[in-house]
Amino acid sequence: MKIYLIRHAEPDWSMVTEDRPHIEILCPLSEKGILQATQLASDERLDNAEIILSSPYTRALQTAAILSKEMQLPLQVEYDLREWSPKYRPNSGKESFIEAFKEDLKKYSNDPIRPVQNGVETIERVRFRAREVLQRYSSCSKVIAVCHGVIIESLTDGQKAKYAEIVEISEPNLT
């Protein structure tokens, strides 16, 4: 089984403001992001995929929908391909939200014992839930999963992915 993890295309973060820091879940793609997603559909590595899986977050789902339309593939939304759950920080604008998110990831994500520590989901928990999703599609020979950077990092031992970047893994990486 080949799995092509794709980090969602570039989002439009303009919706994230001081009074609505967690609206980031709903941010759509930017114009550049729409172009990136459209271009992804012609990447030969994705040829002969059987299904597209997607995080439910708008930026990932919009990326996956563009791929689905362009490639004529079925699309399945999978809740557990969602973004990592950071600690809630009220009254933070876009920049401080993203910085707090990164800070929490560094500070709390490596506890192997608890799935949530100090209100933050651990990287091990992210890996576990992502693997659970992907294992359900093990009967497929090629799967596309549109998700988030932290999902990709958790499944690849820390590999960073840029917006609209494809990272290939094989089924053995899921065990």
Protein backbone atom coordinates (compact mmCIF):
# COMPACT_ATOMS: atom_id res chain seq x y z
CA MET A 1 0.00 0.00 0.00
CA LYS A 2 1.32 3.42 -0.98
CA ILE A 3 0.04 6.43 0.87
CA TYR A 4 0.54 9.93 -0.45
CA LEU A 5 0.22 12.38 2.42
CA ILE A 6 -0.44 15.87 1.14
CA ARG A 7 -0.28 18.90 3.34
CA HIS A 8 -3.21 21.14 2.45
CA ALA A 9 -2.52 24.00 0.05
CA GLU A 10 -1.91 27.55 1.28
CA PRO A 11 -4.79 28.87 3.41
CA ASP A 12 -6.11 32.40 3.68
CA TRP A 13 -5.49 33.22 7.34
CA SER A 14 -7.26 36.60 7.18
CA MET A 15 -10.27 35.24 9.09
CA VAL A 16 -8.14 34.64 12.20
CA THR A 17 -8.38 37.72 14.39
CA GLU A 18 -7.84 38.56 18.03
CA ASP A 19 -11.48 38.04 18.86
CA ARG A 20 -11.75 34.75 16.90
CA PRO A 21 -8.42 32.92 17.16
CA HIS A 22 -9.88 29.44 16.72
CA ILE A 23 -11.68 30.25 13.47
CA GLU A 24 -8.55 28.83 11.81
CA ILE A 25 -10.48 25.56 11.42
CA LEU A 26 -12.70 27.32 8.87
CA CYS A 27 -10.06 29.22 6.87
CA PRO A 28 -10.42 28.50 3.14
CA LEU A 29 -7.58 28.35 0.64
CA SER A 30 -5.98 31.51 -0.66
CA GLU A 31 -5.95 32.16 -4.40
CA LYS A 32 -2.42 30.74 -4.46
CA GLY A 33 -3.67 27.71 -2.52
CA ILE A 34 -6.40 27.03 -5.08
CA LEU A 35 -3.78 27.10 -7.83
CA GLN A 36 -1.49 24.80 -5.80
CA ALA A 37 -4.31 22.28 -5.31
CA THR A 38 -5.21 22.34 -9.00
CA GLN A 39 -1.56 21.74 -9.95
CA LEU A 40 -1.30 18.82 -7.51
CA ALA A 41 -3.92 16.94 -9.52
CA SER A 42 -1.48 16.56 -12.42
CA ASP A 43 1.37 15.13 -10.31
CA GLU A 44 2.17 11.70 -11.79
CA ARG A 45 2.84 10.21 -8.36
CA LEU A 46 -0.88 10.44 -7.66
CA ASP A 47 -1.91 8.57 -10.82
CA ASN A 48 -3.97 5.42 -10.18
CA ALA A 49 -4.91 6.39 -6.65
CA GLU A 50 -8.14 4.78 -5.54
CA ILE A 51 -9.47 7.26 -3.01
CA ILE A 52 -8.80 10.65 -1.45
CA LEU A 53 -9.08 11.00 2.32
CA SER A 54 -9.34 14.41 3.93
CA SER A 55 -9.22 16.17 7.24
CA PRO A 56 -12.54 17.92 7.94
CA TYR A 57 -10.84 21.33 8.29
CA THR A 58 -11.82 23.64 5.44
CA ARG A 59 -8.30 24.18 4.06
CA ALA A 60 -7.69 20.43 3.75
CA LEU A 61 -11.20 19.62 2.57
CA GLN A 62 -11.06 22.30 -0.12
CA THR A 63 -7.68 20.97 -1.30
CA ALA A 64 -9.08 17.42 -1.39
CA ALA A 65 -12.27 18.53 -3.18
CA ILE A 66 -10.23 20.16 -5.94
CA LEU A 67 -8.17 16.97 -6.29
CA SER A 68 -11.31 14.83 -6.28
CA LYS A 69 -12.92 16.89 -9.01
CA GLU A 70 -9.81 17.09 -11.19
CA MET A 71 -8.85 13.42 -10.76
CA GLN A 72 -12.40 12.02 -10.72
CA LEU A 73 -11.75 10.15 -7.45
CA PRO A 74 -14.05 9.51 -4.51
CA LEU A 75 -13.48 11.67 -1.44
CA GLN A 76 -13.90 10.49 2.13
CA VAL A 77 -13.72 12.89 5.08
CA GLU A 78 -11.91 11.39 8.07
CA TYR A 79 -12.22 13.27 11.34
CA ASP A 80 -9.02 11.80 12.79
CA LEU A 81 -6.89 13.32 10.02
CA ARG A 82 -7.65 16.68 11.65
CA GLU A 83 -5.06 19.11 12.90
CA TRP A 84 -3.31 18.63 16.22
CA SER A 85 -5.28 20.05 19.15
CA PRO A 86 -3.32 22.85 20.82
CA LYS A 87 -4.02 24.41 24.18
CA TYR A 88 -6.72 27.07 23.99
CA ARG A 89 -5.30 30.58 24.17
CA PRO A 90 -7.99 33.25 24.30
CA ASN A 91 -7.36 36.72 22.92
CA SER A 92 -4.65 35.76 20.48
CA GLY A 93 -4.55 37.02 16.93
CA LYS A 94 -3.29 35.03 13.95
CA GLU A 95 0.42 35.51 14.62
CA SER A 96 0.23 34.83 18.34
CA PHE A 97 -2.08 31.85 17.77
CA ILE A 98 0.42 30.27 15.38
CA GLU A 99 3.32 31.01 17.72
CA ALA A 100 1.41 29.58 20.70
CA PHE A 101 0.58 26.53 18.62
CA LYS A 102 4.29 25.95 17.84
CA GLU A 103 5.26 26.60 21.45
CA ASP A 104 2.74 24.07 22.73
CA LEU A 105 3.89 21.50 20.18
CA LYS A 106 7.49 21.79 21.38
CA LYS A 107 6.60 21.89 25.04
CA TYR A 108 3.92 19.21 25.35
CA SER A 109 3.95 16.87 22.38
CA ASN A 110 6.52 14.27 23.43
CA ASP A 111 4.90 12.70 26.48
CA PRO A 112 4.50 9.02 25.53
CA ILE A 113 2.28 8.22 28.50
CA ARG A 114 -0.74 10.48 28.29
CA PRO A 115 -2.79 11.26 25.15
CA VAL A 116 -3.37 14.79 26.45
CA GLN A 117 -0.99 16.74 28.66
CA ASN A 118 -1.81 20.17 30.04
CA GLY A 119 -4.71 20.46 27.62
CA VAL A 120 -2.57 19.59 24.58
CA GLU A 121 -2.76 16.43 22.48
CA THR A 122 0.56 14.54 22.33
CA ILE A 123 2.32 13.74 19.06
CA GLU A 124 1.97 10.04 19.91
CA ARG A 125 -1.79 10.45 20.08
CA VAL A 126 -1.80 12.25 16.73
CA ARG A 127 0.23 9.38 15.21
CA PHE A 128 -2.07 6.77 16.72
CA ARG A 129 -5.28 8.31 15.37
CA ALA A 130 -3.79 8.95 11.90
CA ARG A 131 -2.55 5.34 11.66
CA GLU A 132 -5.97 4.06 12.69
CA VAL A 133 -7.54 5.94 9.77
CA LEU A 134 -5.00 4.83 7.20
CA GLN A 135 -5.13 1.18 8.29
CA ARG A 136 -8.85 1.12 7.47
CA TYR A 137 -7.88 1.62 3.81
CA SER A 138 -5.22 -1.11 3.69
CA SER A 139 -7.16 -2.96 0.97
CA CYS A 140 -6.32 -0.08 -1.41
CA SER A 141 -3.04 -0.10 -3.29
CA LYS A 142 -2.74 3.72 -3.46
CA VAL A 143 -4.36 6.28 -1.17
CA ILE A 144 -4.14 10.07 -1.09
CA ALA A 145 -4.58 11.66 2.35
CA VAL A 146 -4.93 15.44 2.50
CA CYS A 147 -4.08 16.51 6.00
CA HIS A 148 -1.90 18.83 8.09
CA GLY A 149 1.79 19.28 8.80
CA VAL A 150 1.58 17.73 12.25
CA ILE A 151 -0.09 14.58 10.87
CA ILE A 152 2.74 14.25 8.33
CA GLU A 153 5.39 14.89 11.00
CA SER A 154 3.85 12.28 13.29
CA LEU A 155 3.85 9.59 10.57
CA THR A 156 7.35 10.35 9.23
CA ASP A 157 9.36 10.88 12.41
CA GLY A 158 9.43 14.63 12.04
CA GLN A 159 9.56 15.34 8.31
CA LYS A 160 8.30 18.88 7.68
CA ALA A 161 6.03 19.47 4.69
CA LYS A 162 5.32 22.74 2.93
CA TYR A 163 1.87 23.72 1.71
CA ALA A 164 0.74 21.37 -1.09
CA GLU A 165 3.75 19.10 -0.63
CA ILE A 166 3.42 15.36 -1.24
CA VAL A 167 5.11 12.91 1.14
CA GLU A 168 5.05 9.22 0.27
CA ILE A 169 4.90 6.52 2.92
CA SER A 170 4.30 2.78 2.73
CA GLU A 171 2.10 0.58 4.85
CA PRO A 172 5.05 -0.64 6.99
CA ASN A 173 5.40 2.93 8.27
CA LEU A 174 1.98 2.54 9.86
CA THR A 175 2.93 -0.20 12.30
